[in-house]
C-alpha atoms as a PDB file:
ATOM      1  CA  MET A   1       0.000   0.000   0.000  1.00  0.00           C
ATOM      2  CA  HIS A   2       2.727   2.468   1.009  1.00  0.00           C
ATOM      3  CA  ASP A   3       4.549   1.902  -2.284  1.00  0.00           C
ATOM      4  CA  ASN A   4       1.482   2.146  -4.550  1.00  0.00           C
ATOM      5  CA  LEU A   5      -0.748   4.905  -3.170  1.00  0.00           C
ATOM      6  CA  GLY A   6      -1.286   6.402  -6.608  1.00  0.00           C
ATOM      7  CA  GLU A   7      -2.501   3.112  -8.099  1.00  0.00           C
ATOM      8  CA  GLN A   8      -6.075   1.819  -8.113  1.00  0.00           C
ATOM      9  CA  LEU A   9      -5.345  -1.070  -5.748  1.00  0.00           C
ATOM     10  CA  THR A  10      -8.006  -3.661  -5.039  1.00  0.00           C
ATOM     11  CA  ILE A  11      -8.299  -6.169  -2.205  1.00  0.00           C
ATOM     12  CA  ASP A  12      -7.534  -8.888  -4.785  1.00  0.00           C
ATOM     13  CA  ASP A  13      -4.226  -7.143  -5.594  1.00  0.00           C
ATOM     14  CA  MET A  14      -3.288  -6.943  -1.914  1.00  0.00           C
ATOM     15  CA  ALA A  15      -4.278 -10.537  -1.205  1.00  0.00           C
ATOM     16  CA  ARG A  16      -2.178 -11.764  -4.138  1.00  0.00           C
ATOM     17  CA  ALA A  17       0.831  -9.840  -2.817  1.00  0.00           C
ATOM     18  CA  ALA A  18       0.335 -11.495   0.579  1.00  0.00           C
ATOM     19  CA  LEU A  19      -0.248 -14.954  -1.014  1.00  0.00           C
ATOM     20  CA  PHE A  20      -3.630 -15.285   0.724  1.00  0.00           C
ATOM     21  CA  SER A  21      -7.177 -15.678  -0.450  1.00  0.00           C
ATOM     22  CA  LYS A  22      -9.101 -12.405  -0.445  1.00  0.00           C
ATOM     23  CA  PHE A  23     -11.283 -13.420   2.494  1.00  0.00           C
ATOM     24  CA  HIS A  24      -8.440 -14.778   4.637  1.00  0.00           C
ATOM     25  CA  PHE A  25      -6.331 -11.692   3.916  1.00  0.00           C
ATOM     26  CA  SER A  26      -9.171  -9.340   4.881  1.00  0.00           C
ATOM     27  CA  ARG A  27      -9.754 -11.162   8.180  1.00  0.00           C
ATOM     28  CA  ILE A  28      -6.067 -11.137   9.131  1.00  0.00           C
ATOM     29  CA  PHE A  29      -5.630  -7.506   8.116  1.00  0.00           C
ATOM     30  CA  GLN A  30      -8.644  -6.390  10.155  1.00  0.00           C
ATOM     31  CA  ARG A  31      -7.390  -8.319  13.166  1.00  0.00           C
ATOM     32  CA  ALA A  32      -3.916  -6.734  12.944  1.00  0.00           C
ATOM     33  CA  THR A  33      -4.888  -3.129  12.232  1.00  0.00           C
ATOM     34  CA  GLY A  34      -8.461  -2.708  13.433  1.00  0.00           C
ATOM     35  CA  LEU A  35      -9.549  -1.521   9.968  1.00  0.00           C
ATOM     36  CA  SER A  36     -10.495  -3.163   6.685  1.00  0.00           C
ATOM     37  CA  PRO A  37      -7.816  -3.094   3.942  1.00  0.00           C
ATOM     38  CA  GLY A  38      -9.800  -0.543   1.912  1.00  0.00           C
ATOM     39  CA  ARG A  39     -10.322   1.731   4.928  1.00  0.00           C
ATOM     40  CA  PHE A  40      -6.650   1.537   5.837  1.00  0.00           C
ATOM     41  CA  LEU A  41      -5.595   2.334   2.259  1.00  0.00           C
ATOM     42  CA  SER A  42      -7.872   5.374   2.199  1.00  0.00           C
ATOM     43  CA  ALA A  43      -6.305   6.606   5.456  1.00  0.00           C
ATOM     44  CA  LEU A  44      -2.782   6.144   4.073  1.00  0.00           C
ATOM     45  CA  ARG A  45      -3.707   8.186   1.000  1.00  0.00           C
ATOM     46  CA  LEU A  46      -4.921  11.073   3.120  1.00  0.00           C
ATOM     47  CA  GLN A  47      -1.843  10.838   5.335  1.00  0.00           C
ATOM     48  CA  ARG A  48       0.381  11.077   2.264  1.00  0.00           C
ATOM     49  CA  ALA A  49      -1.679  14.025   1.044  1.00  0.00           C
ATOM     50  CA  LYS A  50      -1.008  15.779   4.363  1.00  0.00           C
ATOM     51  CA  GLN A  51       2.714  15.285   3.832  1.00  0.00           C
ATOM     52  CA  LEU A  52       2.639  16.567   0.251  1.00  0.00           C
ATOM     53  CA  LEU A  53       0.609  19.645   1.158  1.00  0.00           C
ATOM     54  CA  VAL A  54       3.165  20.873   3.706  1.00  0.00           C
ATOM     55  CA  SER A  55       6.364  19.708   1.996  1.00  0.00           C
ATOM     56  CA  THR A  56       5.763  20.540  -1.687  1.00  0.00           C
ATOM     57  CA  SER A  57       4.263  23.291  -3.839  1.00  0.00           C
ATOM     58  CA  LEU A  58       2.054  20.859  -5.765  1.00  0.00           C
ATOM     59  CA  SER A  59      -1.469  22.114  -6.414  1.00  0.00           C
ATOM     60  CA  VAL A  60      -4.336  20.455  -4.545  1.00  0.00           C
ATOM     61  CA  ALA A  61      -5.395  18.831  -7.841  1.00  0.00           C
ATOM     62  CA  ASP A  62      -1.898  17.374  -8.346  1.00  0.00           C
ATOM     63  CA  VAL A  63      -1.788  16.129  -4.756  1.00  0.00           C
ATOM     64  CA  SER A  64      -5.130  14.372  -5.213  1.00  0.00           C
ATOM     65  CA  LEU A  65      -3.800  12.573  -8.315  1.00  0.00           C
ATOM     66  CA  ARG A  66      -0.580  11.583  -6.533  1.00  0.00           C
ATOM     67  CA  VAL A  67      -2.553   9.797  -3.828  1.00  0.00           C
ATOM     68  CA  GLY A  68      -4.972   7.976  -6.123  1.00  0.00           C
ATOM     69  CA  TYR A  69      -7.994  10.291  -6.411  1.00  0.00           C
ATOM     70  CA  ALA A  70      -9.391  10.896  -9.894  1.00  0.00           C
ATOM     71  CA  SER A  71     -11.685  13.684  -8.631  1.00  0.00           C
ATOM     72  CA  VAL A  72     -10.235  16.675  -6.774  1.00  0.00           C
ATOM     73  CA  GLY A  73     -13.719  17.401  -5.403  1.00  0.00           C
ATOM     74  CA  THR A  74     -13.983  13.947  -3.830  1.00  0.00           C
ATOM     75  CA  PHE A  75     -10.455  14.273  -2.459  1.00  0.00           C
ATOM     76  CA  SER A  76     -11.129  17.702  -0.940  1.00  0.00           C
ATOM     77  CA  SER A  77     -14.372  16.638   0.741  1.00  0.00           C
ATOM     78  CA  ARG A  78     -12.848  13.460   2.206  1.00  0.00           C
ATOM     79  CA  PHE A  79      -9.737  15.320   3.343  1.00  0.00           C
ATOM     80  CA  THR A  80     -11.821  18.013   5.060  1.00  0.00           C
ATOM     81  CA  ARG A  81     -14.078  15.465   6.758  1.00  0.00           C
ATOM     82  CA  SER A  82     -11.163  13.378   8.048  1.00  0.00           C
ATOM     83  CA  VAL A  83      -8.543  16.025   8.867  1.00  0.00           C
ATOM     84  CA  GLY A  84     -10.859  18.774  10.098  1.00  0.00           C
ATOM     85  CA  LEU A  85      -9.400  21.372   7.710  1.00  0.00           C
ATOM     86  CA  SER A  86      -9.656  21.846   3.956  1.00  0.00           C
ATOM     87  CA  PRO A  87      -6.485  21.030   1.964  1.00  0.00           C
ATOM     88  CA  THR A  88      -5.768  24.734   1.333  1.00  0.00           C
ATOM     89  CA  THR A  89      -6.297  25.681   4.991  1.00  0.00           C
ATOM     90  CA  TYR A  90      -4.177  22.741   6.145  1.00  0.00           C
ATOM     91  CA  ARG A  91      -1.358  23.931   3.877  1.00  0.00           C
ATOM     92  CA  ARG A  92      -1.701  27.561   5.016  1.00  0.00           C
ATOM     93  CA  LEU A  93      -1.473  26.549   8.688  1.00  0.00           C
ATOM     94  CA  GLY A  94       1.509  24.284   8.070  1.00  0.00           C
ATOM     95  CA  GLY A  95      -0.333  21.143   9.156  1.00  0.00           C
ATOM     96  CA  PHE A  96      -1.427  22.295  12.602  1.00  0.00           C
ATOM     97  CA  THR A  97      -4.611  23.535  14.205  1.00  0.00           C
ATOM     98  CA  THR A  98      -5.249  25.396  17.452  1.00  0.00           C
ATOM     99  CA  ARG A  99      -8.595  23.742  18.124  1.00  0.00           C
ATOM    100  CA  VAL A 100     -10.088  20.251  17.801  1.00  0.00           C
ATOM    101  CA  PRO A 101     -13.894  20.578  17.978  1.00  0.00           C
ATOM    102  CA  VAL A 102     -15.890  17.741  19.491  1.00  0.00           C
ATOM    103  CA  GLU A 103     -18.977  16.259  17.910  1.00  0.00           C
ATOM    104  CA  ASP A 104     -21.881  18.377  19.140  1.00  0.00           C
ATOM    105  CA  GLY A 105     -24.851  17.173  17.098  1.00  0.00           C
ATOM    106  CA  GLN A 106     -28.178  16.724  18.847  1.00  0.00           C
ATOM    107  CA  ALA A 107     -27.922  12.954  18.398  1.00  0.00           C
ATOM    108  CA  ILE A 108     -24.783  13.027  20.571  1.00  0.00           C
ATOM    109  CA  VAL A 109     -25.796  15.732  23.041  1.00  0.00           C
ATOM    110  CA  ASN A 110     -29.118  14.103  23.963  1.00  0.00           C
ATOM    111  CA  ARG A 111     -27.761  10.596  24.470  1.00  0.00           C
ATOM    112  CA  PRO A 112     -27.208   9.066  27.919  1.00  0.00           C
ATOM    113  CA  ALA A 113     -23.564   9.443  28.915  1.00  0.00           C
ATOM    114  CA  GLY A 114     -20.899   7.905  31.101  1.00  0.00           C
ATOM    115  CA  ARG A 115     -17.278   8.579  31.971  1.00  0.00           C
ATOM    116  CA  VAL A 116     -14.016   7.174  30.610  1.00  0.00           C
ATOM    117  CA  GLN A 117     -11.000   7.514  32.869  1.00  0.00           C
ATOM    118  CA  GLY A 118      -7.652   5.865  33.223  1.00  0.00           C
ATOM    119  CA  ARG A 119      -3.919   6.186  32.906  1.00  0.00           C
ATOM    120  CA  LEU A 120      -1.655   6.678  29.913  1.00  0.00           C
ATOM    121  CA  THR A 121       1.980   5.615  30.192  1.00  0.00           C
ATOM    122  CA  CYS A 122       5.012   6.211  27.988  1.00  0.00           C
ATOM    123  CA  ALA A 123       8.545   4.812  27.980  1.00  0.00           C
ATOM    124  CA  PRO A 124      10.892   7.312  29.711  1.00  0.00           C
ATOM    125  CA  GLU A 125      13.361   7.286  26.805  1.00  0.00           C
ATOM    126  CA  LEU A 126      10.747   8.590  24.359  1.00  0.00           C
ATOM    127  CA  PRO A 127      10.606  12.350  23.728  1.00  0.00           C
ATOM    128  CA  GLY A 128       8.245  14.281  25.976  1.00  0.00           C
ATOM    129  CA  SER A 129       5.246  16.030  24.483  1.00  0.00           C
ATOM    130  CA  ARG A 130       1.731  17.008  25.333  1.00  0.00           C
ATOM    131  CA  ILE A 131      -0.808  14.344  24.470  1.00  0.00           C
ATOM    132  CA  PHE A 132      -4.206  14.413  22.785  1.00  0.00           C
ATOM    133  CA  VAL A 133      -6.718  11.797  24.022  1.00  0.00           C
ATOM    134  CA  GLY A 134     -10.000  11.432  22.148  1.00  0.00           C
ATOM    135  CA  VAL A 135     -13.038   9.164  21.858  1.00  0.00           C
ATOM    136  CA  PHE A 136     -13.788   7.982  18.305  1.00  0.00           C
ATOM    137  CA  PRO A 137     -16.230   5.541  16.669  1.00  0.00           C
ATOM    138  CA  GLU A 138     -13.422   3.660  14.873  1.00  0.00           C
ATOM    139  CA  ARG A 139      -9.789   2.820  15.542  1.00  0.00           C
ATOM    140  CA  ILE A 140      -8.622   5.837  13.558  1.00  0.00           C
ATOM    141  CA  PRO A 141      -8.301   9.433  14.783  1.00  0.00           C
ATOM    142  CA  GLU A 142     -10.238  11.380  12.176  1.00  0.00           C
ATOM    143  CA  GLY A 143     -13.140  13.790  12.055  1.00  0.00           C
ATOM    144  CA  ARG A 144     -14.607  15.081  15.291  1.00  0.00           C
ATOM    145  CA  PRO A 145     -14.112  13.075  18.495  1.00  0.00           C
ATOM    146  CA  VAL A 146     -17.154  12.781  20.738  1.00  0.00           C
ATOM    147  CA  GLN A 147     -14.977  13.901  23.656  1.00  0.00           C
ATOM    148  CA  CYS A 148     -11.302  14.760  24.109  1.00  0.00           C
ATOM    149  CA  CYS A 149      -8.692  16.238  26.427  1.00  0.00           C
ATOM    150  CA  ILE A 150      -5.054  17.366  26.387  1.00  0.00           C
ATOM    151  CA  LEU A 151      -2.485  16.031  28.875  1.00  0.00           C
ATOM    152  CA  ASP A 152       0.674  17.939  29.756  1.00  0.00           C
ATOM    153  CA  ARG A 153       2.410  14.618  30.304  1.00  0.00           C
ATOM    154  CA  PRO A 154       1.570  10.905  30.508  1.00  0.00           C
ATOM    155  CA  GLY A 155      -0.588  10.081  33.507  1.00  0.00           C
ATOM    156  CA  LYS A 156      -4.216  10.061  34.595  1.00  0.00           C
ATOM    157  CA  PHE A 157      -6.997  11.390  32.389  1.00  0.00           C
ATOM    158  CA  VAL A 158     -10.765  11.819  32.667  1.00  0.00           C
ATOM    159  CA  LEU A 159     -13.268  12.152  29.818  1.00  0.00           C
ATOM    160  CA  ASP A 160     -16.674  13.206  31.107  1.00  0.00           C
ATOM    161  CA  ARG A 161     -19.992  13.136  29.242  1.00  0.00           C
ATOM    162  CA  VAL A 162     -18.976  10.368  26.823  1.00  0.00           C
ATOM    163  CA  PRO A 163     -22.199   9.349  25.025  1.00  0.00           C
ATOM    164  CA  ALA A 164     -23.433   5.812  25.578  1.00  0.00           C
ATOM    165  CA  GLY A 165     -22.166   3.556  22.818  1.00  0.00           C
ATOM    166  CA  VAL A 166     -19.168   1.553  21.660  1.00  0.00           C
ATOM    167  CA  TRP A 167     -16.032   3.642  21.203  1.00  0.00           C
ATOM    168  CA  HIS A 168     -12.276   3.558  20.700  1.00  0.00           C
ATOM    169  CA  ILE A 169     -10.053   5.613  23.003  1.00  0.00           C
ATOM    170  CA  LEU A 170      -7.136   6.948  20.950  1.00  0.00           C
ATOM    171  CA  ALA A 171      -4.145   9.059  21.916  1.00  0.00           C
ATOM    172  CA  HIS A 172      -1.342  10.753  20.025  1.00  0.00           C
ATOM    173  CA  SER A 173       1.398  13.241  20.820  1.00  0.00           C
ATOM    174  CA  ALA A 174       0.511  16.888  20.212  1.00  0.00           C
ATOM    175  CA  ALA A 175       3.067  19.345  18.842  1.00  0.00           C
ATOM    176  CA  GLU A 176       4.919  21.466  21.403  1.00  0.00           C
ATOM    177  CA  GLU A 177       5.949  23.982  18.757  1.00  0.00           C
ATOM    178  CA  HIS A 178       4.421  25.166  15.503  1.00  0.00           C
ATOM    179  CA  THR A 179       7.720  24.415  13.735  1.00  0.00           C
ATOM    180  CA  ALA A 180       7.605  20.736  14.659  1.00  0.00           C
ATOM    181  CA  SER A 181       6.893  18.303  11.853  1.00  0.00           C
ATOM    182  CA  PRO A 182       3.208  17.361  11.607  1.00  0.00           C
ATOM    183  CA  THR A 183       3.962  14.090   9.843  1.00  0.00           C
ATOM    184  CA  THR A 184       6.917  12.418  11.597  1.00  0.00           C
ATOM    185  CA  GLY A 185       7.788  11.241  15.086  1.00  0.00           C
ATOM    186  CA  THR A 186       4.185  10.873  16.245  1.00  0.00           C
ATOM    187  CA  LEU A 187       3.554   8.642  19.257  1.00  0.00           C
ATOM    188  CA  VAL A 188       0.229   6.794  19.436  1.00  0.00           C
ATOM    189  CA  GLY A 189      -1.829   4.692  21.808  1.00  0.00           C
ATOM    190  CA  SER A 190      -5.202   2.965  21.562  1.00  0.00           C
ATOM    191  CA  HIS A 191      -7.721   1.041  23.622  1.00  0.00           C
ATOM    192  CA  GLY A 192     -11.002  -0.485  22.578  1.00  0.00           C
ATOM    193  CA  PRO A 193     -13.582  -1.037  21.552  1.00  0.00           C
ATOM    194  CA  VAL A 194     -15.177  -0.228  24.920  1.00  0.00           C
ATOM    195  CA  ALA A 195     -18.876  -0.054  25.766  1.00  0.00           C
ATOM    196  CA  VAL A 196     -19.962   3.096  27.604  1.00  0.00           C
ATOM    197  CA  ARG A 197     -23.350   2.940  29.355  1.00  0.00           C
ATOM    198  CA  ARG A 198     -25.482   5.514  31.126  1.00  0.00           C
ATOM    199  CA  ASP A 199     -23.786   6.752  34.321  1.00  0.00           C
ATOM    200  CA  SER A 200     -21.038   4.120  33.977  1.00  0.00           C
ATOM    201  CA  VAL A 201     -17.313   4.612  34.605  1.00  0.00           C
ATOM    202  CA  VAL A 202     -14.992   2.809  32.175  1.00  0.00           C
ATOM    203  CA  GLU A 203     -11.383   2.284  33.275  1.00  0.00           C
ATOM    204  CA  VAL A 204      -8.731   2.410  30.536  1.00  0.00           C
ATOM    205  CA  GLU A 205      -4.988   1.696  30.482  1.00  0.00           C
ATOM    206  CA  MET A 206      -2.983   2.826  27.439  1.00  0.00           C
ATOM    207  CA  THR A 207       0.685   3.009  26.454  1.00  0.00           C
ATOM    208  CA  LEU A 208       2.035   5.655  24.108  1.00  0.00           C
ATOM    209  CA  GLN A 209       4.580   4.239  21.642  1.00  0.00           C
ATOM    210  CA  PRO A 210       6.177   5.069  18.279  1.00  0.00           C
ATOM    211  CA  MET A 211       3.786   4.486  15.398  1.00  0.00           C
ATOM    212  CA  ARG A 212       4.131   1.066  13.741  1.00  0.00           C
ATOM    213  CA  ILE A 213       3.450   0.265  10.102  1.00  0.00           C
ATOM    214  CA  ILE A 214       0.195  -1.484  11.121  1.00  0.00           C
ATOM    215  CA  ASP A 215      -1.091   1.476  13.164  1.00  0.00           C
ATOM    216  CA  PRO A 216      -3.770   3.541  11.397  1.00  0.00           C
ATOM    217  CA  PRO A 217      -2.389   7.019  10.626  1.00  0.00           C
ATOM    218  CA  VAL A 218      -3.420  10.086  12.602  1.00  0.00           C
ATOM    219  CA  LEU A 219      -5.613  11.974  10.141  1.00  0.00           C
ATOM    220  CA  LEU A 220      -6.618  14.812  12.439  1.00  0.00           C
ATOM    221  CA  ALA A 221      -4.532  17.943  11.993  1.00  0.00           C
ATOM    222  CA  LEU A 222      -2.108  17.837  14.917  1.00  0.00           C
ATOM    223  CA  LEU A 223      -2.977  20.245  17.703  1.00  0.00           C
ATOM    224  CA  ASP A 224      -0.417  23.018  18.191  1.00  0.00           C
ATOM    225  CA  VAL A 225      -0.832  23.180  21.963  1.00  0.00           C
ATOM    226  CA  ARG A 226       1.453  26.189  22.468  1.00  0.00           C
ATOM    227  CA  ARG A 227      -0.402  28.425  20.016  1.00  0.00           C
ATOM    228  CA  SER A 228      -3.695  27.086  21.354  1.00  0.00           C
ATOM    229  CA  ALA A 229      -2.738  28.106  24.905  1.00  0.00           C
ATOM    230  CA  ILE A 230      -1.644  31.571  23.760  1.00  0.00           C
ATOM    231  CA  GLU A 231      -4.910  32.122  21.892  1.00  0.00           C
ATOM    232  CA  ARG A 232      -6.932  30.914  24.881  1.00  0.00           C
ATOM    233  CA  VAL A 233      -5.158  33.299  27.275  1.00  0.00           C
ATOM    234  CA  ALA A 234      -5.588  36.192  24.836  1.00  0.00           C
ATOM    235  CA  ALA A 235      -9.313  35.465  24.562  1.00  0.00           C
ATOM    236  CA  GLU A 236      -9.678  35.374  28.361  1.00  0.00           C
ATOM    237  CA  ARG A 237      -7.955  38.767  28.707  1.00  0.00           C
ATOM    238  CA  ARG A 238      -9.908  40.415  25.892  1.00  0.00           C
ATOM    239  CA  PRO A 239     -12.502  42.946  27.161  1.00  0.00           C
ATOM    240  CA  VAL A 240     -16.120  41.883  26.775  1.00  0.00           C
ATOM    241  CA  GLY A 241     -17.542  42.907  23.411  1.00  0.00           C
ATOM    242  CA  VAL A 242     -14.144  43.231  21.707  1.00  0.00           C
ATOM    243  CA  SER A 243     -13.774  41.056  18.606  1.00  0.00           C
ATOM    244  CA  SER A 244     -10.596  39.090  17.927  1.00  0.00           C
ATOM    245  CA  ARG A 245     -10.640  40.302  14.343  1.00  0.00           C
END
């Protein structure tokens, strides 16, 4: 997949490369990665698009072709839905965002909710960084989480008002500086699926580790926690009625 993102790969092609039947390959792949082969391939294409947008001057149309999309409109809509920013905005911001909005639709807000809490650990030799922890419907950090928090360091975390349902708890390192690379050196952790019920408390243990080739890529624009903190403090100090613009 990594070597042929611009090609129209099928599950039959992948299964042949692995010397498995299509059905056996799909089962093993899902078990190893938590996603179907097609879903994983789509995520890799968008991850590569993120890299191209911040490291080259290719147009959005050229980027979409490089990662296997025949329609720039389809590419742009899928990129925006998964990353949280349009391709042009993602490029302009250098691959970072100062805010990750949570899912706030009425279907989520009005559902019974519980709490997810636990501890996130990280090997001491790994580089320190603030950490994003979010609740997602699949084992891939994309779109809007239903709840999230930022940790200054590995340790305890609490996610209140998590809607009742079956969710994946996903974590990744957030950028300490806007100049940090948004595409390399990311640490990730995952737990799930977990069932959250009304007024329940779900305990979670996760370990943050360097991303492996079988880990789904982080499609969310990485949170620039330093700029986010500066903007939050500025907003708190701004006199009432004064616009930020």
